[in-house]
Amino acid sequence: MLRHHRLIPRVTLVWATIAAALLLWHPDLGGLVHLASTSLHNLARHPVLSMCLSVFTLANGWGEWATWVGLSIVWVFAEVNLGWRRSLAAFIAGHLVATMGVAVIEATAVLSGLAPVGIVGITDDVGASYGFLALAAAGLAIGLRRSRWWLLATPALLAISIVDVNGWTIAGHAMAIAVGCGLASWCRFLDAPAPHTEQPAEQVSEPVPTGAAGRR
């Protein structure tokens, strides 16, 4: 039985409210994307602001509101199955690890001359895909332990991670999925029942017979 508090998608409501407010406040997404981008330039100047604002800024070719609806649905399913604390942990861990991992790869490529210096100022590197892919991977990994029907969702997860993105983002998506799977394994370890150790049976001492044996 699900606990009643798991039926209230509290984190989903917070994320969806802030993301919708930004879409209504900045419908053109111009200056907002430039400020929220997790490009190397922004991460060097204001890393906390860009990291936090990026997860609420939706800008892609599929339609911002359609993405908003789809990601909100992912949040609801994750919260029901994982709980809001573990869902939030998966989201934050996936976003942080993937964003910093991609930044390290990009910086290394620029310094070694394998990539042009222009990637330092890319301004459209925004979105919550890293966090949501980690969230979806954690939910999918846990769902597979309950039913093999969850295998049908695996192609969709892989397709989302590689369609309409560049090589840097694909690397970040792979990191985020790995983080989600790792968190699912950790949750499985926490939820595993403690090994049952049988207590040794107490020895019952037999009463010493009295009578003739005790007489002289």
Protein backbone atom coordinates (compact mmCIF):
# COMPACT_ATOMS: atom_id res chain seq x y z
CA MET A 1 0.00 0.00 0.00
CA LEU A 2 1.26 3.46 -0.87
CA ARG A 3 1.46 5.94 1.91
CA HIS A 4 -0.86 8.89 1.50
CA HIS A 5 1.97 11.45 1.48
CA ARG A 6 3.49 9.82 -1.60
CA LEU A 7 0.34 10.63 -3.54
CA ILE A 8 1.11 14.35 -3.18
CA PRO A 9 3.77 15.24 -5.79
CA ARG A 10 5.22 18.10 -3.79
CA VAL A 11 8.51 18.39 -5.69
CA THR A 12 6.68 18.12 -9.01
CA LEU A 13 4.45 21.03 -8.04
CA VAL A 14 7.42 23.20 -7.10
CA TRP A 15 9.37 22.46 -10.28
CA ALA A 16 6.34 22.79 -12.57
CA THR A 17 5.28 26.09 -10.97
CA ILE A 18 8.70 27.73 -11.32
CA ALA A 19 9.25 26.42 -14.87
CA ALA A 20 5.79 27.60 -15.98
CA ALA A 21 6.36 31.02 -14.40
CA LEU A 22 9.61 31.43 -16.33
CA LEU A 23 7.90 30.43 -19.58
CA LEU A 24 5.19 33.02 -19.00
CA TRP A 25 7.63 35.69 -17.83
CA HIS A 26 10.14 35.21 -20.67
CA PRO A 27 8.20 33.87 -23.66
CA ASP A 28 11.01 34.85 -26.06
CA LEU A 29 13.61 32.98 -23.93
CA GLY A 30 16.38 35.18 -25.27
CA GLY A 31 18.04 36.79 -22.27
CA LEU A 32 16.90 34.05 -19.94
CA VAL A 33 18.67 31.33 -21.92
CA HIS A 34 21.83 33.43 -22.05
CA LEU A 35 21.79 33.88 -18.27
CA ALA A 36 20.79 30.31 -17.37
CA SER A 37 23.11 28.50 -19.76
CA THR A 38 25.61 26.16 -18.13
CA SER A 39 28.29 27.12 -20.63
CA LEU A 40 31.90 27.33 -19.54
CA HIS A 41 31.64 31.12 -19.56
CA ASN A 42 28.68 31.19 -17.16
CA LEU A 43 30.03 28.42 -14.95
CA ALA A 44 33.18 30.48 -14.48
CA ARG A 45 31.33 33.73 -13.72
CA HIS A 46 28.17 32.68 -11.83
CA PRO A 47 28.12 28.89 -11.41
CA VAL A 48 25.41 28.68 -8.72
CA LEU A 49 22.95 30.90 -10.60
CA SER A 50 23.39 29.12 -13.91
CA MET A 51 23.24 25.65 -12.33
CA CYS A 52 20.03 26.44 -10.45
CA LEU A 53 18.29 28.46 -13.16
CA SER A 54 19.12 25.99 -15.91
CA VAL A 55 16.89 23.22 -14.55
CA PHE A 56 13.83 25.49 -14.80
CA THR A 57 14.57 26.94 -18.25
CA LEU A 58 12.98 24.95 -21.09
CA ALA A 59 14.15 25.68 -24.61
CA ASN A 60 14.20 23.06 -27.35
CA GLY A 61 12.68 22.26 -30.72
CA TRP A 62 9.86 20.09 -29.40
CA GLY A 63 7.93 22.91 -27.84
CA GLU A 64 8.53 24.27 -24.39
CA TRP A 65 5.05 23.57 -23.03
CA ALA A 66 5.03 20.02 -24.40
CA THR A 67 8.36 19.45 -22.66
CA TRP A 68 6.94 20.95 -19.49
CA VAL A 69 4.03 18.50 -19.51
CA GLY A 70 6.24 15.49 -20.28
CA LEU A 71 8.78 16.26 -17.56
CA SER A 72 6.04 16.91 -15.01
CA ILE A 73 4.62 13.44 -15.73
CA VAL A 74 8.07 11.92 -15.18
CA TRP A 75 8.28 13.71 -11.84
CA VAL A 76 4.90 12.38 -10.70
CA PHE A 77 5.72 8.76 -11.52
CA ALA A 78 9.13 9.07 -9.89
CA GLU A 79 7.75 10.55 -6.70
CA VAL A 80 5.11 7.85 -6.38
CA ASN A 81 7.66 5.06 -6.83
CA LEU A 82 10.75 6.57 -5.20
CA GLY A 83 9.39 9.12 -2.76
CA TRP A 84 10.09 12.82 -3.01
CA ARG A 85 13.43 12.73 -1.16
CA ARG A 86 15.00 10.07 -3.37
CA SER A 87 13.51 11.66 -6.48
CA LEU A 88 15.00 15.00 -5.57
CA ALA A 89 18.36 13.36 -4.79
CA ALA A 90 18.41 11.61 -8.18
CA PHE A 91 17.51 14.82 -10.00
CA ILE A 92 20.09 16.99 -8.27
CA ALA A 93 22.85 14.37 -8.50
CA GLY A 94 22.22 13.75 -12.20
CA HIS A 95 22.20 17.47 -12.98
CA LEU A 96 25.35 18.27 -11.01
CA VAL A 97 27.43 15.28 -12.09
CA ALA A 98 26.49 15.52 -15.78
CA THR A 99 26.88 19.31 -15.97
CA MET A 100 30.28 19.33 -14.31
CA GLY A 101 31.38 16.26 -16.25
CA VAL A 102 30.54 17.89 -19.57
CA ALA A 103 32.26 21.11 -18.46
CA VAL A 104 35.44 19.20 -17.64
CA ILE A 105 35.36 17.42 -21.02
CA GLU A 106 34.77 20.68 -22.89
CA ALA A 107 37.52 22.52 -21.02
CA THR A 108 39.97 19.67 -21.64
CA ALA A 109 39.09 19.61 -25.33
CA VAL A 110 39.61 23.37 -25.67
CA LEU A 111 42.90 23.40 -23.78
CA SER A 112 44.23 20.49 -25.81
CA GLY A 113 43.18 22.04 -29.11
CA LEU A 114 40.66 19.32 -29.97
CA ALA A 115 37.71 21.74 -29.89
CA PRO A 116 37.31 25.39 -30.95
CA VAL A 117 37.40 28.13 -28.35
CA GLY A 118 33.90 29.14 -29.42
CA ILE A 119 32.26 26.41 -27.34
CA VAL A 120 33.20 28.35 -24.20
CA GLY A 121 30.40 30.82 -24.84
CA ILE A 122 27.61 28.51 -26.04
CA THR A 123 24.42 30.14 -24.77
CA ASP A 124 21.79 27.46 -25.45
CA ASP A 125 23.04 24.81 -23.03
CA VAL A 126 20.00 24.90 -20.76
CA GLY A 127 17.31 22.53 -19.65
CA ALA A 128 16.55 19.85 -17.11
CA SER A 129 17.44 16.89 -19.29
CA TYR A 130 20.35 15.73 -17.13
CA GLY A 131 18.30 15.68 -13.96
CA PHE A 132 15.26 14.12 -15.58
CA LEU A 133 17.24 11.39 -17.34
CA ALA A 134 18.79 10.46 -13.99
CA LEU A 135 15.31 10.47 -12.49
CA ALA A 136 13.88 8.35 -15.31
CA ALA A 137 16.79 5.90 -15.15
CA ALA A 138 16.35 5.44 -11.40
CA GLY A 139 12.62 4.86 -11.79
CA LEU A 140 13.13 2.49 -14.70
CA ALA A 141 15.79 0.47 -12.87
CA ILE A 142 13.51 0.05 -9.87
CA GLY A 143 10.52 -0.74 -12.07
CA LEU A 144 12.43 -3.51 -13.86
CA ARG A 145 12.82 -5.32 -10.54
CA ARG A 146 9.05 -5.38 -10.19
CA SER A 147 7.95 -6.16 -13.74
CA ARG A 148 9.69 -6.94 -17.05
CA TRP A 149 7.13 -4.80 -18.84
CA TRP A 150 9.29 -1.83 -17.93
CA LEU A 151 11.71 -3.03 -20.62
CA LEU A 152 9.34 -1.46 -23.14
CA ALA A 153 10.29 1.96 -21.80
CA THR A 154 14.01 1.42 -22.32
CA PRO A 155 14.08 2.36 -26.05
CA ALA A 156 12.31 5.61 -25.27
CA LEU A 157 14.89 6.50 -22.65
CA LEU A 158 17.76 5.76 -25.03
CA ALA A 159 16.11 7.68 -27.88
CA ILE A 160 15.58 10.78 -25.77
CA SER A 161 19.24 10.74 -24.74
CA ILE A 162 20.62 10.88 -28.30
CA VAL A 163 17.96 12.55 -30.50
CA ASP A 164 18.40 16.19 -31.51
CA VAL A 165 21.45 16.84 -29.29
CA ASN A 166 25.17 17.35 -29.88
CA GLY A 167 28.03 15.16 -28.80
CA TRP A 168 28.67 17.08 -25.57
CA THR A 169 25.07 16.68 -24.47
CA ILE A 170 25.03 12.98 -25.34
CA ALA A 171 28.00 12.51 -23.01
CA GLY A 172 26.12 14.35 -20.28
CA HIS A 173 23.02 12.23 -20.85
CA ALA A 174 25.08 9.05 -20.48
CA MET A 175 26.51 10.34 -17.20
CA ALA A 176 23.05 11.24 -15.92
CA ILE A 177 21.63 7.80 -16.77
CA ALA A 178 24.57 6.18 -15.00
CA VAL A 179 23.91 8.31 -11.91
CA GLY A 180 20.24 7.28 -11.92
CA CYS A 181 21.08 3.58 -12.19
CA GLY A 182 23.64 3.92 -9.42
CA LEU A 183 21.10 5.60 -7.16
CA ALA A 184 18.61 2.81 -7.87
CA SER A 185 21.19 0.24 -6.78
CA TRP A 186 21.86 2.24 -3.64
CA CYS A 187 18.12 2.40 -2.87
CA ARG A 188 17.93 -1.36 -3.36
CA PHE A 189 20.74 -1.81 -0.86
CA LEU A 190 18.97 0.42 1.67
CA ASP A 191 15.65 -1.38 1.23
CA ALA A 192 17.15 -4.86 1.49
CA PRO A 193 15.95 -6.68 4.62
CA ALA A 194 18.53 -7.27 7.29
CA PRO A 195 19.85 -10.84 7.41
CA HIS A 196 17.98 -12.92 9.96
CA THR A 197 20.16 -14.67 12.47
CA GLU A 198 18.63 -17.47 14.47
CA GLN A 199 19.13 -17.22 18.15
CA PRO A 200 20.39 -20.42 19.82
CA ALA A 201 17.70 -22.23 21.71
CA GLU A 202 17.93 -21.85 25.43
CA GLN A 203 19.07 -25.00 27.14
CA VAL A 204 16.60 -26.22 29.68
CA SER A 205 18.28 -27.88 32.63
CA GLU A 206 16.68 -31.08 33.76
CA PRO A 207 15.60 -31.15 37.40
CA VAL A 208 17.82 -33.15 39.69
CA PRO A 209 15.83 -36.11 41.08
CA THR A 210 15.44 -36.22 44.83
CA GLY A 211 14.70 -39.18 47.03
CA ALA A 212 16.77 -42.24 47.71
CA ALA A 213 19.69 -40.94 45.74
CA GLY A 214 19.96 -38.08 48.16
CA ARG A 215 19.88 -40.21 51.29
CA ARG A 216 22.73 -41.90 53.09
